C-alpha atoms as a PDB file:
ATOM      1  CA  ASP A   1      91.358 -61.937   8.545  1.00  0.00           C
ATOM      2  CA  GLY A   2      89.679 -59.353  10.571  1.00  0.00           C
ATOM      3  CA  THR A   3      86.246 -61.606  11.117  1.00  0.00           C
ATOM      4  CA  PRO A   4      84.251 -61.954  14.061  1.00  0.00           C
ATOM      5  CA  VAL A   5      84.286 -65.404  15.461  1.00  0.00           C
ATOM      6  CA  ASN A   6      81.189 -66.186  17.429  1.00  0.00           C
ATOM      7  CA  ASN A   7      82.846 -68.129  20.529  1.00  0.00           C
ATOM      8  CA  LEU A   8      86.147 -68.611  22.629  1.00  0.00           C
ATOM      9  CA  TYR A   9      85.999 -71.206  25.424  1.00  0.00           C
ATOM     10  CA  VAL A  10      88.082 -70.638  28.079  1.00  0.00           C
ATOM     11  CA  PRO A  11      88.692 -72.479  31.437  1.00  0.00           C
ATOM     12  CA  ILE A  12      86.444 -70.887  34.378  1.00  0.00           C
ATOM     13  CA  GLY A  13      87.963 -68.229  36.529  1.00  0.00           C
ATOM     14  CA  CYS A  14      90.161 -66.649  32.623  1.00  0.00           C
ATOM     15  CA  LYS A  15      87.627 -64.795  31.422  1.00  0.00           C
ATOM     16  CA  SER A  16      88.469 -61.479  32.542  1.00  0.00           C
ATOM     17  CA  ALA A  17      92.227 -62.032  31.816  1.00  0.00           C
ATOM     18  CA  TYR A  18      90.974 -63.138  27.891  1.00  0.00           C
ATOM     19  CA  GLU A  19      88.720 -59.974  28.160  1.00  0.00           C
ATOM     20  CA  ALA A  20      91.430 -57.571  28.693  1.00  0.00           C
ATOM     21  CA  ALA A  21      93.532 -59.133  26.365  1.00  0.00           C
ATOM     22  CA  SER A  22      93.610 -57.371  22.893  1.00  0.00           C
ATOM     23  CA  GLU A  23      94.675 -60.050  21.026  1.00  0.00           C
ATOM     24  CA  TRP A  24      91.177 -61.786  22.215  1.00  0.00           C
ATOM     25  CA  ASP A  25      89.109 -58.865  21.397  1.00  0.00           C
ATOM     26  CA  TRP A  26      87.904 -60.339  18.115  1.00  0.00           C
ATOM     27  CA  PHE A  27      86.037 -62.937  19.531  1.00  0.00           C
ATOM     28  CA  GLU A  28      82.159 -61.481  20.191  1.00  0.00           C
ATOM     29  CA  ASN A  29      81.923 -64.011  23.451  1.00  0.00           C
ATOM     30  CA  ILE A  30      83.838 -65.110  25.499  1.00  0.00           C
ATOM     31  CA  VAL A  31      82.551 -68.307  27.335  1.00  0.00           C
ATOM     32  CA  GLU A  32      84.256 -69.696  30.641  1.00  0.00           C
ATOM     33  CA  MET A  33      83.736 -73.624  30.540  1.00  0.00           C
ATOM     34  CA  GLU A  34      85.553 -76.770  32.338  1.00  0.00           C
ATOM     35  CA  ILE A  35      87.772 -77.632  29.542  1.00  0.00           C
ATOM     36  CA  GLU A  36      89.817 -81.192  30.071  1.00  0.00           C
ATOM     37  CA  ILE A  37      93.600 -80.651  29.201  1.00  0.00           C
ATOM     38  CA  GLU A  38      95.061 -83.559  28.139  1.00  0.00           C
ATOM     39  CA  GLU A  39      98.146 -84.359  30.787  1.00  0.00           C
ATOM     40  CA  VAL A  40     101.391 -84.188  28.386  1.00  0.00           C
ATOM     41  CA  PRO A  41     104.081 -86.606  29.543  1.00  0.00           C
ATOM     42  CA  ILE A  42     106.742 -84.964  31.708  1.00  0.00           C
ATOM     43  CA  VAL A  43     110.441 -85.550  30.919  1.00  0.00           C
ATOM     44  CA  SER A  44     112.714 -84.796  33.770  1.00  0.00           C
ATOM     45  CA  ALA A  45     116.106 -84.713  34.892  1.00  0.00           C
ATOM     46  CA  ASN A  46     117.748 -85.359  38.165  1.00  0.00           C
ATOM     47  CA  ASP A  47     119.976 -82.809  40.402  1.00  0.00           C
ATOM     48  CA  VAL A  48     122.994 -84.388  40.295  1.00  0.00           C
ATOM     49  CA  ASN A  49     126.917 -83.482  42.783  1.00  0.00           C
ATOM     50  CA  ILE A  50     129.870 -83.789  40.860  1.00  0.00           C
ATOM     51  CA  VAL A  51     133.630 -83.449  41.569  1.00  0.00           C
ATOM     52  CA  ASN A  52     136.177 -81.563  39.682  1.00  0.00           C
ATOM     53  CA  ASP A  53     138.357 -84.568  37.255  1.00  0.00           C
ATOM     54  CA  GLY A  54     135.074 -86.853  39.064  1.00  0.00           C
ATOM     55  CA  VAL A  55     132.223 -88.465  37.036  1.00  0.00           C
ATOM     56  CA  THR A  56     128.192 -88.669  37.683  1.00  0.00           C
ATOM     57  CA  TRP A  57     125.281 -90.311  36.343  1.00  0.00           C
ATOM     58  CA  LEU A  58     123.067 -88.095  34.825  1.00  0.00           C
ATOM     59  CA  SER A  59     119.228 -89.527  34.823  1.00  0.00           C
ATOM     60  CA  ILE A  60     116.326 -88.770  32.358  1.00  0.00           C
ATOM     61  CA  ASN A  61     112.795 -89.889  34.186  1.00  0.00           C
ATOM     62  CA  MET A  62     109.594 -89.503  32.450  1.00  0.00           C
ATOM     63  CA  GLU A  63     105.672 -89.517  33.854  1.00  0.00           C
ATOM     64  CA  ASN A  64     103.568 -90.378  31.520  1.00  0.00           C
ATOM     65  CA  ASN A  65      99.731 -91.257  31.132  1.00  0.00           C
ATOM     66  CA  LYS A  66      99.624 -92.925  27.403  1.00  0.00           C
ATOM     67  CA  SER A  67     101.824 -95.395  25.687  1.00  0.00           C
ATOM     68  CA  ILE A  68     105.224 -93.606  24.804  1.00  0.00           C
ATOM     69  CA  LEU A  69     106.823 -95.394  21.644  1.00  0.00           C
ATOM     70  CA  GLY A  70     110.385 -93.431  21.460  1.00  0.00           C
ATOM     71  CA  PHE A  71     111.841 -89.488  22.526  1.00  0.00           C
ATOM     72  CA  GLN A  72     114.502 -87.621  21.754  1.00  0.00           C
ATOM     73  CA  PHE A  73     115.743 -84.342  23.257  1.00  0.00           C
ATOM     74  CA  LYS A  74     118.642 -81.693  23.452  1.00  0.00           C
ATOM     75  CA  LEU A  75     121.283 -81.851  26.539  1.00  0.00           C
ATOM     76  CA  THR A  76     122.417 -78.332  27.049  1.00  0.00           C
ATOM     77  CA  LEU A  77     125.348 -78.994  29.996  1.00  0.00           C
ATOM     78  CA  PRO A  78     127.444 -75.752  31.649  1.00  0.00           C
ATOM     79  CA  ASP A  79     130.510 -74.793  30.350  1.00  0.00           C
ATOM     80  CA  GLY A  80     133.254 -77.398  31.597  1.00  0.00           C
ATOM     81  CA  ILE A  81     130.977 -80.313  31.717  1.00  0.00           C
ATOM     82  CA  VAL A  82     130.963 -83.140  29.317  1.00  0.00           C
ATOM     83  CA  VAL A  83     129.110 -86.701  28.531  1.00  0.00           C
ATOM     84  CA  ASP A  84     132.366 -88.933  29.417  1.00  0.00           C
ATOM     85  CA  THR A  85     133.642 -91.412  26.668  1.00  0.00           C
ATOM     86  CA  ASP A  86     135.257 -94.762  27.332  1.00  0.00           C
ATOM     87  CA  LYS A  87     138.141 -95.826  25.898  1.00  0.00           C
ATOM     88  CA  ASN A  88     137.170 -96.060  22.445  1.00  0.00           C
ATOM     89  CA  GLY A  89     135.411 -92.682  22.749  1.00  0.00           C
ATOM     90  CA  LYS A  90     131.840 -93.615  22.323  1.00  0.00           C
ATOM     91  CA  LEU A  91     129.800 -91.238  24.309  1.00  0.00           C
ATOM     92  CA  GLN A  92     128.783 -93.219  27.745  1.00  0.00           C
ATOM     93  CA  SER A  93     125.452 -93.458  28.687  1.00  0.00           C
ATOM     94  CA  VAL A  94     122.719 -96.955  29.295  1.00  0.00           C
ATOM     95  CA  LEU A  95     119.283 -97.560  28.879  1.00  0.00           C
ATOM     96  CA  SER A  96     117.266 -97.897  31.381  1.00  0.00           C
ATOM     97  CA  SER A  97     114.633-101.548  31.979  1.00  0.00           C
ATOM     98  CA  ARG A  98     111.687 -99.343  30.879  1.00  0.00           C
ATOM     99  CA  CYS A  99     113.123 -99.429  26.882  1.00  0.00           C
ATOM    100  CA  ASN A 100     114.062-102.998  26.477  1.00  0.00           C
ATOM    101  CA  GLY A 101     114.552-103.534  22.987  1.00  0.00           C
ATOM    102  CA  PHE A 102     115.162 -99.960  22.037  1.00  0.00           C
ATOM    103  CA  THR A 103     117.896 -98.553  20.135  1.00  0.00           C
ATOM    104  CA  LEU A 104     119.844 -95.456  21.838  1.00  0.00           C
ATOM    105  CA  GLY A 105     121.513 -92.602  19.743  1.00  0.00           C
ATOM    106  CA  LEU A 106     123.808 -90.314  21.912  1.00  0.00           C
ATOM    107  CA  THR A 107     125.989 -87.623  19.185  1.00  0.00           C
ATOM    108  CA  ALA A 108     127.648 -84.452  20.302  1.00  0.00           C
ATOM    109  CA  GLN A 109     126.447 -81.211  18.262  1.00  0.00           C
ATOM    110  CA  GLY A 110     129.133 -78.917  20.013  1.00  0.00           C
ATOM    111  CA  ASP A 111     128.370 -75.790  22.028  1.00  0.00           C
ATOM    112  CA  ASN A 112     127.910 -78.241  25.209  1.00  0.00           C
ATOM    113  CA  ASN A 113     124.782 -79.904  23.318  1.00  0.00           C
ATOM    114  CA  TYR A 114     124.074 -83.131  22.806  1.00  0.00           C
ATOM    115  CA  LYS A 115     121.145 -84.861  21.079  1.00  0.00           C
ATOM    116  CA  VAL A 116     119.358 -88.347  22.291  1.00  0.00           C
ATOM    117  CA  ASP A 117     116.992 -90.467  20.653  1.00  0.00           C
ATOM    118  CA  CYS A 118     115.447 -93.431  21.233  1.00  0.00           C
ATOM    119  CA  ILE A 119     113.643 -95.867  19.229  1.00  0.00           C
ATOM    120  CA  SER A 120     111.861 -99.175  19.114  1.00  0.00           C
ATOM    121  CA  LEU A 121     112.697-100.921  15.642  1.00  0.00           C
ATOM    122  CA  GLN A 122     110.275-103.369  16.495  1.00  0.00           C
ATOM    123  CA  ASN A 123     107.290-100.907  17.597  1.00  0.00           C
ATOM    124  CA  LYS A 124     108.108-101.564  21.126  1.00  0.00           C
ATOM    125  CA  GLU A 125     105.906 -99.231  23.844  1.00  0.00           C
ATOM    126  CA  ILE A 126     108.332 -97.521  26.942  1.00  0.00           C
ATOM    127  CA  THR A 127     107.132 -99.824  29.922  1.00  0.00           C
ATOM    128  CA  GLY A 128     105.674 -97.937  33.057  1.00  0.00           C
ATOM    129  CA  THR A 129     104.245 -94.855  33.588  1.00  0.00           C
ATOM    130  CA  GLU A 130     106.971 -93.294  35.927  1.00  0.00           C
ATOM    131  CA  GLY A 131     110.441 -93.428  36.080  1.00  0.00           C
ATOM    132  CA  GLU A 132     114.185 -93.540  34.676  1.00  0.00           C
ATOM    133  CA  LEU A 133     114.767 -93.787  30.825  1.00  0.00           C
ATOM    134  CA  VAL A 134     117.945 -93.565  30.404  1.00  0.00           C
ATOM    135  CA  LYS A 135     121.482 -92.971  32.705  1.00  0.00           C
ATOM    136  CA  ILE A 136     124.318 -90.363  30.947  1.00  0.00           C
ATOM    137  CA  LYS A 137     128.034 -90.392  32.663  1.00  0.00           C
ATOM    138  CA  LEU A 138     129.112 -86.845  33.025  1.00  0.00           C
ATOM    139  CA  THR A 139     132.905 -85.559  33.773  1.00  0.00           C
ATOM    140  CA  THR A 140     134.499 -82.084  33.956  1.00  0.00           C
ATOM    141  CA  ASN A 141     137.506 -81.311  32.349  1.00  0.00           C
ATOM    142  CA  GLY A 142     139.243 -80.078  35.973  1.00  0.00           C
ATOM    143  CA  GLU A 143     138.741 -76.605  35.740  1.00  0.00           C
ATOM    144  CA  VAL A 144     135.380 -76.195  36.133  1.00  0.00           C
ATOM    145  CA  SER A 145     134.389 -73.688  38.903  1.00  0.00           C
ATOM    146  CA  VAL A 146     132.855 -74.912  42.160  1.00  0.00           C
ATOM    147  CA  GLY A 147     129.377 -73.906  42.598  1.00  0.00           C
ATOM    148  CA  ASN A 148     126.031 -74.557  40.736  1.00  0.00           C
ATOM    149  CA  SER A 149     124.931 -74.673  37.197  1.00  0.00           C
ATOM    150  CA  THR A 150     122.007 -75.764  35.162  1.00  0.00           C
ATOM    151  CA  ILE A 151     121.505 -78.738  32.853  1.00  0.00           C
ATOM    152  CA  THR A 152     118.339 -78.361  30.202  1.00  0.00           C
ATOM    153  CA  LEU A 153     116.717 -80.812  28.611  1.00  0.00           C
ATOM    154  CA  SER A 154     115.170 -78.797  25.320  1.00  0.00           C
ATOM    155  CA  ASP A 155     113.207 -79.786  22.272  1.00  0.00           C
ATOM    156  CA  ILE A 156     111.953 -82.646  23.651  1.00  0.00           C
ATOM    157  CA  LYS A 157     109.376 -84.994  21.432  1.00  0.00           C
ATOM    158  CA  LEU A 158     108.141 -87.887  22.218  1.00  0.00           C
ATOM    159  CA  THR A 159     106.324 -90.577  19.980  1.00  0.00           C
ATOM    160  CA  THR A 160     102.783 -92.032  20.699  1.00  0.00           C
ATOM    161  CA  THR A 161      99.836 -93.092  18.500  1.00  0.00           C
ATOM    162  CA  GLU A 162      96.250 -92.070  18.796  1.00  0.00           C
ATOM    163  CA  GLY A 163      94.408 -94.695  17.141  1.00  0.00           C
ATOM    164  CA  THR A 164      95.873 -95.711  14.049  1.00  0.00           C
ATOM    165  CA  GLU A 165      97.825 -92.188  13.687  1.00  0.00           C
ATOM    166  CA  THR A 166     101.085 -91.522  15.312  1.00  0.00           C
ATOM    167  CA  ILE A 167     101.674 -88.244  17.015  1.00  0.00           C
ATOM    168  CA  THR A 168     104.450 -86.331  18.363  1.00  0.00           C
ATOM    169  CA  LEU A 169     103.656 -84.828  21.938  1.00  0.00           C
ATOM    170  CA  TYR A 170     105.918 -81.858  23.150  1.00  0.00           C
ATOM    171  CA  PRO A 171     106.654 -81.968  26.565  1.00  0.00           C
ATOM    172  CA  ALA A 172     108.062 -78.563  28.141  1.00  0.00           C
ATOM    173  CA  ASN A 173     111.414 -78.168  28.400  1.00  0.00           C
ATOM    174  CA  TYR A 174     113.155 -78.996  32.136  1.00  0.00           C
ATOM    175  CA  THR A 175     116.317 -77.764  33.949  1.00  0.00           C
ATOM    176  CA  SER A 176     118.049 -79.268  36.777  1.00  0.00           C
ATOM    177  CA  LYS A 177     121.077 -78.305  38.725  1.00  0.00           C
ATOM    178  CA  ILE A 178     124.179 -79.892  38.762  1.00  0.00           C
ATOM    179  CA  ALA A 179     126.390 -78.812  42.099  1.00  0.00           C
ATOM    180  CA  VAL A 180     130.606 -78.974  41.406  1.00  0.00           C
ATOM    181  CA  LEU A 181     132.409 -79.900  44.918  1.00  0.00           C
ATOM    182  CA  ASN A 182     135.611 -79.407  45.440  1.00  0.00           C
ATOM    183  CA  TYR A 183     136.241 -82.060  48.013  1.00  0.00           C
ATOM    184  CA  ASN A 184     134.933 -86.020  47.752  1.00  0.00           C
ATOM    185  CA  LEU A 185     131.183 -86.954  49.021  1.00  0.00           C
ATOM    186  CA  GLY A 186     131.698 -88.420  52.882  1.00  0.00           C
ATOM    187  CA  ASP A 187     135.112 -85.989  52.805  1.00  0.00           C
ATOM    188  CA  VAL A 188     133.740 -83.401  55.420  1.00  0.00           C
ATOM    189  CA  ASP A 189     137.540 -81.904  56.187  1.00  0.00           C
ATOM    190  CA  GLY A 190     138.587 -81.616  52.485  1.00  0.00           C
ATOM    191  CA  LYS A 191     141.757 -83.889  53.622  1.00  0.00           C
ATOM    192  CA  ASP A 192     140.635 -87.090  52.524  1.00  0.00           C
ATOM    193  CA  GLY A 193     139.114 -87.889  55.359  1.00  0.00           C
ATOM    194  CA  VAL A 194     135.649 -88.753  56.922  1.00  0.00           C
END
């Protein structure tokens, strides 16, 4: 409310940038100091290739330095690429061994968006500190243009504990590439031969 605040502590080497920014001028004193920033886990997706009318598996991975009890995110796919369904219309996905005892939810949200959430009903932790969490089977509608497009993971939320409290972490959004090919991998001449 316009009341001056004595000190703003900023990472070493950033003082001049804060002094130059008008948003921070209500601090009377900007002090550089070594600030320990807690690492937020990274949730990522691998780059994949797909052939029109083909399928591929998108791997969702996590690097974490603390115990994670569950996750959720929004998956946005390019036009013409969808999550494949089985003969009963169920969206196809598989949890990795890191998530034994967890329940996975995968639902279509429209406009190329899917919601993915995974929890343990027994309050288990995801095992390990890096590697695959879930694989999602993708396919095309057969009319996708050849070339690279973007897959986006957004609205990522991870559940963890701090002391006796359950808290939510918000990793950064992540983008990966999907390359749509007009030939099968290994078919160098495009004539079903190797």
